[in-house]
Amino acid sequence: KALEVIPGAEKGVFLSFDPENDAL
């Protein structure tokens, strides 16, 4: 959806917090 909404956005990443490893 981010690539659909933002003109020119060609690629991307999504990171979320992993509580088991205490890291993104």
mmCIF file of all heavy atoms, coordinates in Angstrom:
data_MODEL
# 
_entry.id   MODEL 
# 
loop_
_atom_site.group_PDB 
_atom_site.id 
_atom_site.type_symbol 
_atom_site.label_atom_id 
_atom_site.label_alt_id 
_atom_site.label_comp_id 
_atom_site.label_asym_id 
_atom_site.label_entity_id 
_atom_site.label_seq_id 
_atom_site.pdbx_PDB_ins_code 
_atom_site.Cartn_x 
_atom_site.Cartn_y 
_atom_site.Cartn_z 
_atom_site.occupancy 
_atom_site.B_iso_or_equiv 
_atom_site.pdbx_formal_charge 
_atom_site.auth_seq_id 
_atom_site.auth_comp_id 
_atom_site.auth_asym_id 
_atom_site.auth_atom_id 
_atom_site.pdbx_PDB_model_num 
ATOM 1   N N   . LYS A 1 1  ? 0.835  -1.204  0.000  1.00 0.00 ? 1  LYS A N   1 
ATOM 2   C CA  . LYS A 1 1  ? 0.000  0.000   0.000  1.00 0.00 ? 1  LYS A CA  1 
ATOM 3   C C   . LYS A 1 1  ? 0.871  1.256   0.000  1.00 0.00 ? 1  LYS A C   1 
ATOM 4   O O   . LYS A 1 1  ? 0.548  2.249   -0.670 1.00 0.00 ? 1  LYS A O   1 
ATOM 5   C CB  . LYS A 1 1  ? -0.938 0.002   1.206  1.00 0.00 ? 1  LYS A CB  1 
ATOM 6   C CG  . LYS A 1 1  ? -1.913 1.153   1.245  1.00 0.00 ? 1  LYS A CG  1 
ATOM 7   C CD  . LYS A 1 1  ? -2.843 1.192   0.046  1.00 0.00 ? 1  LYS A CD  1 
ATOM 8   C CE  . LYS A 1 1  ? -3.916 0.152   0.132  1.00 0.00 ? 1  LYS A CE  1 
ATOM 9   N NZ  . LYS A 1 1  ? -4.916 0.257   -0.966 1.00 0.00 ? 1  LYS A NZ  1 
ATOM 10  N N   . ALA A 1 2  ? 1.983  1.241   0.720  1.00 0.00 ? 2  ALA A N   1 
ATOM 11  C CA  . ALA A 1 2  ? 2.894  2.395   0.740  1.00 0.00 ? 2  ALA A CA  1 
ATOM 12  C C   . ALA A 1 2  ? 3.428  2.687   -0.659 1.00 0.00 ? 2  ALA A C   1 
ATOM 13  O O   . ALA A 1 2  ? 3.482  3.847   -1.098 1.00 0.00 ? 2  ALA A O   1 
ATOM 14  C CB  . ALA A 1 2  ? 4.051  2.143   1.705  1.00 0.00 ? 2  ALA A CB  1 
ATOM 15  N N   . LEU A 1 3  ? 3.786  1.632   -1.411 1.00 0.00 ? 3  LEU A N   1 
ATOM 16  C CA  . LEU A 1 3  ? 4.285  1.830   -2.762 1.00 0.00 ? 3  LEU A CA  1 
ATOM 17  C C   . LEU A 1 3  ? 3.182  2.299   -3.711 1.00 0.00 ? 3  LEU A C   1 
ATOM 18  O O   . LEU A 1 3  ? 3.452  2.980   -4.691 1.00 0.00 ? 3  LEU A O   1 
ATOM 19  C CB  . LEU A 1 3  ? 4.930  0.545   -3.292 1.00 0.00 ? 3  LEU A CB  1 
ATOM 20  C CG  . LEU A 1 3  ? 6.439  0.425   -3.037 1.00 0.00 ? 3  LEU A CG  1 
ATOM 21  C CD1 . LEU A 1 3  ? 6.771  0.409   -1.565 1.00 0.00 ? 3  LEU A CD1 1 
ATOM 22  C CD2 . LEU A 1 3  ? 7.006  -0.810  -3.714 1.00 0.00 ? 3  LEU A CD2 1 
ATOM 23  N N   . GLU A 1 4  ? 1.938  1.960   -3.376 1.00 0.00 ? 4  GLU A N   1 
ATOM 24  C CA  . GLU A 1 4  ? 0.794  2.377   -4.180 1.00 0.00 ? 4  GLU A CA  1 
ATOM 25  C C   . GLU A 1 4  ? 0.445  3.854   -3.923 1.00 0.00 ? 4  GLU A C   1 
ATOM 26  O O   . GLU A 1 4  ? 0.101  4.587   -4.838 1.00 0.00 ? 4  GLU A O   1 
ATOM 27  C CB  . GLU A 1 4  ? -0.399 1.494   -3.799 1.00 0.00 ? 4  GLU A CB  1 
ATOM 28  C CG  . GLU A 1 4  ? -1.605 1.597   -4.690 1.00 0.00 ? 4  GLU A CG  1 
ATOM 29  C CD  . GLU A 1 4  ? -2.683 0.613   -4.243 1.00 0.00 ? 4  GLU A CD  1 
ATOM 30  O OE1 . GLU A 1 4  ? -2.366 -0.565  -4.001 1.00 0.00 ? 4  GLU A OE1 1 
ATOM 31  O OE2 . GLU A 1 4  ? -3.837 1.051   -4.123 1.00 0.00 ? 4  GLU A OE2 1 
ATOM 32  N N   . VAL A 1 5  ? 0.560  4.273   -2.665 1.00 0.00 ? 5  VAL A N   1 
ATOM 33  C CA  . VAL A 1 5  ? 0.153  5.621   -2.267 1.00 0.00 ? 5  VAL A CA  1 
ATOM 34  C C   . VAL A 1 5  ? 1.218  6.674   -2.605 1.00 0.00 ? 5  VAL A C   1 
ATOM 35  O O   . VAL A 1 5  ? 0.881  7.817   -2.889 1.00 0.00 ? 5  VAL A O   1 
ATOM 36  C CB  . VAL A 1 5  ? -0.165 5.649   -0.746 1.00 0.00 ? 5  VAL A CB  1 
ATOM 37  C CG1 . VAL A 1 5  ? -0.321 7.066   -0.227 1.00 0.00 ? 5  VAL A CG1 1 
ATOM 38  C CG2 . VAL A 1 5  ? -1.421 4.847   -0.454 1.00 0.00 ? 5  VAL A CG2 1 
ATOM 39  N N   . ILE A 1 6  ? 2.494  6.287   -2.573 1.00 0.00 ? 6  ILE A N   1 
ATOM 40  C CA  . ILE A 1 6  ? 3.575  7.262   -2.728 1.00 0.00 ? 6  ILE A CA  1 
ATOM 41  C C   . ILE A 1 6  ? 4.168  7.179   -4.129 1.00 0.00 ? 6  ILE A C   1 
ATOM 42  O O   . ILE A 1 6  ? 4.820  6.193   -4.476 1.00 0.00 ? 6  ILE A O   1 
ATOM 43  C CB  . ILE A 1 6  ? 4.663  7.030   -1.658 1.00 0.00 ? 6  ILE A CB  1 
ATOM 44  C CG1 . ILE A 1 6  ? 4.041  7.192   -0.271 1.00 0.00 ? 6  ILE A CG1 1 
ATOM 45  C CG2 . ILE A 1 6  ? 5.818  7.989   -1.854 1.00 0.00 ? 6  ILE A CG2 1 
ATOM 46  C CD1 . ILE A 1 6  ? 4.905  6.723   0.860  1.00 0.00 ? 6  ILE A CD1 1 
ATOM 47  N N   . PRO A 1 7  ? 3.962  8.218   -4.962 1.00 0.00 ? 7  PRO A N   1 
ATOM 48  C CA  . PRO A 1 7  ? 4.520  8.209   -6.321 1.00 0.00 ? 7  PRO A CA  1 
ATOM 49  C C   . PRO A 1 7  ? 6.050  8.119   -6.270 1.00 0.00 ? 7  PRO A C   1 
ATOM 50  O O   . PRO A 1 7  ? 6.687  8.762   -5.449 1.00 0.00 ? 7  PRO A O   1 
ATOM 51  C CB  . PRO A 1 7  ? 4.086  9.558   -6.904 1.00 0.00 ? 7  PRO A CB  1 
ATOM 52  C CG  . PRO A 1 7  ? 3.002  10.047  -6.021 1.00 0.00 ? 7  PRO A CG  1 
ATOM 53  C CD  . PRO A 1 7  ? 3.235  9.443   -4.675 1.00 0.00 ? 7  PRO A CD  1 
ATOM 54  N N   . GLY A 1 8  ? 6.588  7.327   -7.115 1.00 0.00 ? 8  GLY A N   1 
ATOM 55  C CA  . GLY A 1 8  ? 8.046  7.203   -7.172 1.00 0.00 ? 8  GLY A CA  1 
ATOM 56  C C   . GLY A 1 8  ? 8.620  6.162   -6.243 1.00 0.00 ? 8  GLY A C   1 
ATOM 57  O O   . GLY A 1 8  ? 9.791  5.812   -6.356 1.00 0.00 ? 8  GLY A O   1 
ATOM 58  N N   . ALA A 1 9  ? 7.842  5.653   -5.299 1.00 0.00 ? 9  ALA A N   1 
ATOM 59  C CA  . ALA A 1 9  ? 8.350  4.608   -4.401 1.00 0.00 ? 9  ALA A CA  1 
ATOM 60  C C   . ALA A 1 9  ? 8.438  3.306   -5.190 1.00 0.00 ? 9  ALA A C   1 
ATOM 61  O O   . ALA A 1 9  ? 7.437  2.786   -5.646 1.00 0.00 ? 9  ALA A O   1 
ATOM 62  C CB  . ALA A 1 9  ? 7.441  4.450   -3.190 1.00 0.00 ? 9  ALA A CB  1 
ATOM 63  N N   . GLU A 1 10 ? 9.658  2.822   -5.375 1.00 0.00 ? 10 GLU A N   1 
ATOM 64  C CA  . GLU A 1 10 ? 9.887  1.647   -6.220 1.00 0.00 ? 10 GLU A CA  1 
ATOM 65  C C   . GLU A 1 10 ? 10.152 0.383   -5.413 1.00 0.00 ? 10 GLU A C   1 
ATOM 66  O O   . GLU A 1 10 ? 9.932  -0.716  -5.904 1.00 0.00 ? 10 GLU A O   1 
ATOM 67  C CB  . GLU A 1 10 ? 11.090 1.906   -7.133 1.00 0.00 ? 10 GLU A CB  1 
ATOM 68  C CG  . GLU A 1 10 ? 10.895 3.100   -8.065 1.00 0.00 ? 10 GLU A CG  1 
ATOM 69  C CD  . GLU A 1 10 ? 12.181 3.508   -8.764 1.00 0.00 ? 10 GLU A CD  1 
ATOM 70  O OE1 . GLU A 1 10 ? 13.277 3.078   -8.325 1.00 0.00 ? 10 GLU A OE1 1 
ATOM 71  O OE2 . GLU A 1 10 ? 12.082 4.275   -9.734 1.00 0.00 ? 10 GLU A OE2 1 
ATOM 72  N N   . LYS A 1 11 ? 10.653 0.544   -4.201 1.00 0.00 ? 11 LYS A N   1 
ATOM 73  C CA  . LYS A 1 11 ? 10.999 -0.612  -3.372 1.00 0.00 ? 11 LYS A CA  1 
ATOM 74  C C   . LYS A 1 11 ? 10.933 -0.195  -1.912 1.00 0.00 ? 11 LYS A C   1 
ATOM 75  O O   . LYS A 1 11 ? 10.835 1.001   -1.596 1.00 0.00 ? 11 LYS A O   1 
ATOM 76  C CB  . LYS A 1 11 ? 12.389 -1.128  -3.729 1.00 0.00 ? 11 LYS A CB  1 
ATOM 77  C CG  . LYS A 1 11 ? 13.489 -0.083  -3.645 1.00 0.00 ? 11 LYS A CG  1 
ATOM 78  C CD  . LYS A 1 11 ? 14.781 -0.626  -4.217 1.00 0.00 ? 11 LYS A CD  1 
ATOM 79  C CE  . LYS A 1 11 ? 15.859 0.460   -4.209 1.00 0.00 ? 11 LYS A CE  1 
ATOM 80  N NZ  . LYS A 1 11 ? 17.118 -0.025  -4.764 1.00 0.00 ? 11 LYS A NZ  1 
ATOM 81  N N   . GLY A 1 12 ? 10.976 -1.187  -1.026 1.00 0.00 ? 12 GLY A N   1 
ATOM 82  C CA  . GLY A 1 12 ? 10.908 -0.833  0.380  1.00 0.00 ? 12 GLY A CA  1 
ATOM 83  C C   . GLY A 1 12 ? 11.058 -2.029  1.294  1.00 0.00 ? 12 GLY A C   1 
ATOM 84  O O   . GLY A 1 12 ? 11.121 -3.175  0.835  1.00 0.00 ? 12 GLY A O   1 
ATOM 85  N N   . VAL A 1 13 ? 11.117 -1.740  2.589  1.00 0.00 ? 13 VAL A N   1 
ATOM 86  C CA  . VAL A 1 13 ? 11.204 -2.780  3.609  1.00 0.00 ? 13 VAL A CA  1 
ATOM 87  C C   . VAL A 1 13 ? 10.305 -2.420  4.781  1.00 0.00 ? 13 VAL A C   1 
ATOM 88  O O   . VAL A 1 13 ? 9.991  -1.248  5.010  1.00 0.00 ? 13 VAL A O   1 
ATOM 89  C CB  . VAL A 1 13 ? 12.648 -3.003  4.134  1.00 0.00 ? 13 VAL A CB  1 
ATOM 90  C CG1 . VAL A 1 13 ? 13.538 -3.581  3.056  1.00 0.00 ? 13 VAL A CG1 1 
ATOM 91  C CG2 . VAL A 1 13 ? 13.228 -1.724  4.695  1.00 0.00 ? 13 VAL A CG2 1 
ATOM 92  N N   . PHE A 1 14 ? 9.881  -3.468  5.491  1.00 0.00 ? 14 PHE A N   1 
ATOM 93  C CA  . PHE A 1 14 ? 9.074  -3.302  6.691  1.00 0.00 ? 14 PHE A CA  1 
ATOM 94  C C   . PHE A 1 14 ? 9.711  -4.157  7.770  1.00 0.00 ? 14 PHE A C   1 
ATOM 95  O O   . PHE A 1 14 ? 9.842  -5.362  7.619  1.00 0.00 ? 14 PHE A O   1 
ATOM 96  C CB  . PHE A 1 14 ? 7.638  -3.765  6.422  1.00 0.00 ? 14 PHE A CB  1 
ATOM 97  C CG  . PHE A 1 14 ? 6.650  -3.382  7.489  1.00 0.00 ? 14 PHE A CG  1 
ATOM 98  C CD1 . PHE A 1 14 ? 5.573  -2.574  7.190  1.00 0.00 ? 14 PHE A CD1 1 
ATOM 99  C CD2 . PHE A 1 14 ? 6.792  -3.849  8.788  1.00 0.00 ? 14 PHE A CD2 1 
ATOM 100 C CE1 . PHE A 1 14 ? 4.642  -2.228  8.163  1.00 0.00 ? 14 PHE A CE1 1 
ATOM 101 C CE2 . PHE A 1 14 ? 5.875  -3.504  9.773  1.00 0.00 ? 14 PHE A CE2 1 
ATOM 102 C CZ  . PHE A 1 14 ? 4.798  -2.690  9.452  1.00 0.00 ? 14 PHE A CZ  1 
ATOM 103 N N   . LEU A 1 15 ? 10.128 -3.525  8.856  1.00 0.00 ? 15 LEU A N   1 
ATOM 104 C CA  . LEU A 1 15 ? 10.715 -4.243  9.982  1.00 0.00 ? 15 LEU A CA  1 
ATOM 105 C C   . LEU A 1 15 ? 9.866  -3.998  11.218 1.00 0.00 ? 15 LEU A C   1 
ATOM 106 O O   . LEU A 1 15 ? 9.380  -2.881  11.426 1.00 0.00 ? 15 LEU A O   1 
ATOM 107 C CB  . LEU A 1 15 ? 12.142 -3.750  10.264 1.00 0.00 ? 15 LEU A CB  1 
ATOM 108 C CG  . LEU A 1 15 ? 13.143 -3.888  9.109  1.00 0.00 ? 15 LEU A CG  1 
ATOM 109 C CD1 . LEU A 1 15 ? 13.318 -2.548  8.424  1.00 0.00 ? 15 LEU A CD1 1 
ATOM 110 C CD2 . LEU A 1 15 ? 14.478 -4.404  9.603  1.00 0.00 ? 15 LEU A CD2 1 
ATOM 111 N N   . SER A 1 16 ? 9.665  -5.041  12.016 1.00 0.00 ? 16 SER A N   1 
ATOM 112 C CA  . SER A 1 16 ? 8.958  -4.846  13.279 1.00 0.00 ? 16 SER A CA  1 
ATOM 113 C C   . SER A 1 16 ? 9.733  -5.531  14.404 1.00 0.00 ? 16 SER A C   1 
ATOM 114 O O   . SER A 1 16 ? 10.563 -6.414  14.173 1.00 0.00 ? 16 SER A O   1 
ATOM 115 C CB  . SER A 1 16 ? 7.528  -5.384  13.209 1.00 0.00 ? 16 SER A CB  1 
ATOM 116 O OG  . SER A 1 16 ? 7.507  -6.782  13.188 1.00 0.00 ? 16 SER A OG  1 
ATOM 117 N N   . PHE A 1 17 ? 9.455  -5.084  15.609 1.00 0.00 ? 17 PHE A N   1 
ATOM 118 C CA  . PHE A 1 17 ? 10.176 -5.566  16.780 1.00 0.00 ? 17 PHE A CA  1 
ATOM 119 C C   . PHE A 1 17 ? 9.843  -7.024  17.060 1.00 0.00 ? 17 PHE A C   1 
ATOM 120 O O   . PHE A 1 17 ? 8.681  -7.423  17.083 1.00 0.00 ? 17 PHE A O   1 
ATOM 121 C CB  . PHE A 1 17 ? 9.821  -4.704  17.983 1.00 0.00 ? 17 PHE A CB  1 
ATOM 122 C CG  . PHE A 1 17 ? 10.594 -5.045  19.218 1.00 0.00 ? 17 PHE A CG  1 
ATOM 123 C CD1 . PHE A 1 17 ? 11.947 -4.745  19.306 1.00 0.00 ? 17 PHE A CD1 1 
ATOM 124 C CD2 . PHE A 1 17 ? 9.987  -5.660  20.286 1.00 0.00 ? 17 PHE A CD2 1 
ATOM 125 C CE1 . PHE A 1 17 ? 12.666 -5.062  20.446 1.00 0.00 ? 17 PHE A CE1 1 
ATOM 126 C CE2 . PHE A 1 17 ? 10.688 -5.985  21.435 1.00 0.00 ? 17 PHE A CE2 1 
ATOM 127 C CZ  . PHE A 1 17 ? 12.040 -5.680  21.512 1.00 0.00 ? 17 PHE A CZ  1 
ATOM 128 N N   . ASP A 1 18 ? 10.871 -7.818  17.238 1.00 0.00 ? 18 ASP A N   1 
ATOM 129 C CA  . ASP A 1 18 ? 10.714 -9.238  17.583 1.00 0.00 ? 18 ASP A CA  1 
ATOM 130 C C   . ASP A 1 18 ? 11.059 -9.407  19.063 1.00 0.00 ? 18 ASP A C   1 
ATOM 131 O O   . ASP A 1 18 ? 12.233 -9.323  19.438 1.00 0.00 ? 18 ASP A O   1 
ATOM 132 C CB  . ASP A 1 18 ? 11.655 -10.082 16.715 1.00 0.00 ? 18 ASP A CB  1 
ATOM 133 C CG  . ASP A 1 18 ? 11.527 -11.571 17.004 1.00 0.00 ? 18 ASP A CG  1 
ATOM 134 O OD1 . ASP A 1 18 ? 10.744 -11.937 17.908 1.00 0.00 ? 18 ASP A OD1 1 
ATOM 135 O OD2 . ASP A 1 18 ? 12.202 -12.363 16.329 1.00 0.00 ? 18 ASP A OD2 1 
ATOM 136 N N   . PRO A 1 19 ? 10.050 -9.608  19.924 1.00 0.00 ? 19 PRO A N   1 
ATOM 137 C CA  . PRO A 1 19 ? 10.327 -9.681  21.366 1.00 0.00 ? 19 PRO A CA  1 
ATOM 138 C C   . PRO A 1 19 ? 11.214 -10.855 21.766 1.00 0.00 ? 19 PRO A C   1 
ATOM 139 O O   . PRO A 1 19 ? 11.922 -10.789 22.758 1.00 0.00 ? 19 PRO A O   1 
ATOM 140 C CB  . PRO A 1 19 ? 8.932  -9.807  22.000 1.00 0.00 ? 19 PRO A CB  1 
ATOM 141 C CG  . PRO A 1 19 ? 8.020  -10.209 20.897 1.00 0.00 ? 19 PRO A CG  1 
ATOM 142 C CD  . PRO A 1 19 ? 8.631  -9.744  19.618 1.00 0.00 ? 19 PRO A CD  1 
ATOM 143 N N   . GLU A 1 20 ? 11.200 -11.929 20.981 1.00 0.00 ? 20 GLU A N   1 
ATOM 144 C CA  . GLU A 1 20 ? 12.026 -13.100 21.319 1.00 0.00 ? 20 GLU A CA  1 
ATOM 145 C C   . GLU A 1 20 ? 13.509 -12.793 21.189 1.00 0.00 ? 20 GLU A C   1 
ATOM 146 O O   . GLU A 1 20 ? 14.323 -13.271 21.962 1.00 0.00 ? 20 GLU A O   1 
ATOM 147 C CB  . GLU A 1 20 ? 11.650 -14.290 20.431 1.00 0.00 ? 20 GLU A CB  1 
ATOM 148 C CG  . GLU A 1 20 ? 10.284 -14.861 20.756 1.00 0.00 ? 20 GLU A CG  1 
ATOM 149 C CD  . GLU A 1 20 ? 9.969  -16.080 19.914 1.00 0.00 ? 20 GLU A CD  1 
ATOM 150 O OE1 . GLU A 1 20 ? 10.899 -16.623 19.271 1.00 0.00 ? 20 GLU A OE1 1 
ATOM 151 O OE2 . GLU A 1 20 ? 8.796  -16.490 19.899 1.00 0.00 ? 20 GLU A OE2 1 
ATOM 152 N N   . ASN A 1 21 ? 13.871 -11.992 20.168 1.00 0.00 ? 21 ASN A N   1 
ATOM 153 C CA  . ASN A 1 21 ? 15.280 -11.664 19.944 1.00 0.00 ? 21 ASN A CA  1 
ATOM 154 C C   . ASN A 1 21 ? 15.636 -10.257 20.416 1.00 0.00 ? 21 ASN A C   1 
ATOM 155 O O   . ASN A 1 21 ? 16.793 -9.844  20.299 1.00 0.00 ? 21 ASN A O   1 
ATOM 156 C CB  . ASN A 1 21 ? 15.623 -11.793 18.452 1.00 0.00 ? 21 ASN A CB  1 
ATOM 157 C CG  . ASN A 1 21 ? 15.427 -13.203 17.955 1.00 0.00 ? 21 ASN A CG  1 
ATOM 158 O OD1 . ASN A 1 21 ? 15.781 -14.158 18.647 1.00 0.00 ? 21 ASN A OD1 1 
ATOM 159 N ND2 . ASN A 1 21 ? 14.853 -13.352 16.780 1.00 0.00 ? 21 ASN A ND2 1 
ATOM 160 N N   . ASP A 1 22 ? 14.640 -9.496  20.896 1.00 0.00 ? 22 ASP A N   1 
ATOM 161 C CA  . ASP A 1 22 ? 14.855 -8.130  21.354 1.00 0.00 ? 22 ASP A CA  1 
ATOM 162 C C   . ASP A 1 22 ? 15.536 -7.280  20.276 1.00 0.00 ? 22 ASP A C   1 
ATOM 163 O O   . ASP A 1 22 ? 16.499 -6.566  20.535 1.00 0.00 ? 22 ASP A O   1 
ATOM 164 C CB  . ASP A 1 22 ? 15.703 -8.129  22.646 1.00 0.00 ? 22 ASP A CB  1 
ATOM 165 C CG  . ASP A 1 22 ? 15.620 -6.783  23.354 1.00 0.00 ? 22 ASP A CG  1 
ATOM 166 O OD1 . ASP A 1 22 ? 14.590 -6.106  23.226 1.00 0.00 ? 22 ASP A OD1 1 
ATOM 167 O OD2 . ASP A 1 22 ? 16.604 -6.412  24.023 1.00 0.00 ? 22 ASP A OD2 1 
ATOM 168 N N   . ALA A 1 23 ? 15.029 -7.409  19.035 1.00 0.00 ? 23 ALA A N   1 
ATOM 169 C CA  . ALA A 1 23 ? 15.616 -6.673  17.917 1.00 0.00 ? 23 ALA A CA  1 
ATOM 170 C C   . ALA A 1 23 ? 14.579 -6.499  16.813 1.00 0.00 ? 23 ALA A C   1 
ATOM 171 O O   . ALA A 1 23 ? 13.528 -7.158  16.820 1.00 0.00 ? 23 ALA A O   1 
ATOM 172 C CB  . ALA A 1 23 ? 16.823 -7.439  17.373 1.00 0.00 ? 23 ALA A CB  1 
ATOM 173 N N   . LEU A 1 24 ? 14.883 -5.610  15.866 1.00 0.00 ? 24 LEU A N   1 
ATOM 174 C CA  . LEU A 1 24 ? 14.007 -5.446  14.713 1.00 0.00 ? 24 LEU A CA  1 
ATOM 175 C C   . LEU A 1 24 ? 14.225 -6.609  13.754 1.00 0.00 ? 24 LEU A C   1 
ATOM 176 O O   . LEU A 1 24 ? 15.361 -7.006  13.494 1.00 0.00 ? 24 LEU A O   1 
ATOM 177 C CB  . LEU A 1 24 ? 14.311 -4.121  13.998 1.00 0.00 ? 24 LEU A CB  1 
ATOM 178 C CG  . LEU A 1 24 ? 13.852 -2.847  14.703 1.00 0.00 ? 24 LEU A CG  1 
ATOM 179 C CD1 . LEU A 1 24 ? 14.384 -1.625  13.966 1.00 0.00 ? 24 LEU A CD1 1 
ATOM 180 C CD2 . LEU A 1 24 ? 12.340 -2.780  14.791 1.00 0.00 ? 24 LEU A CD2 1 
# 
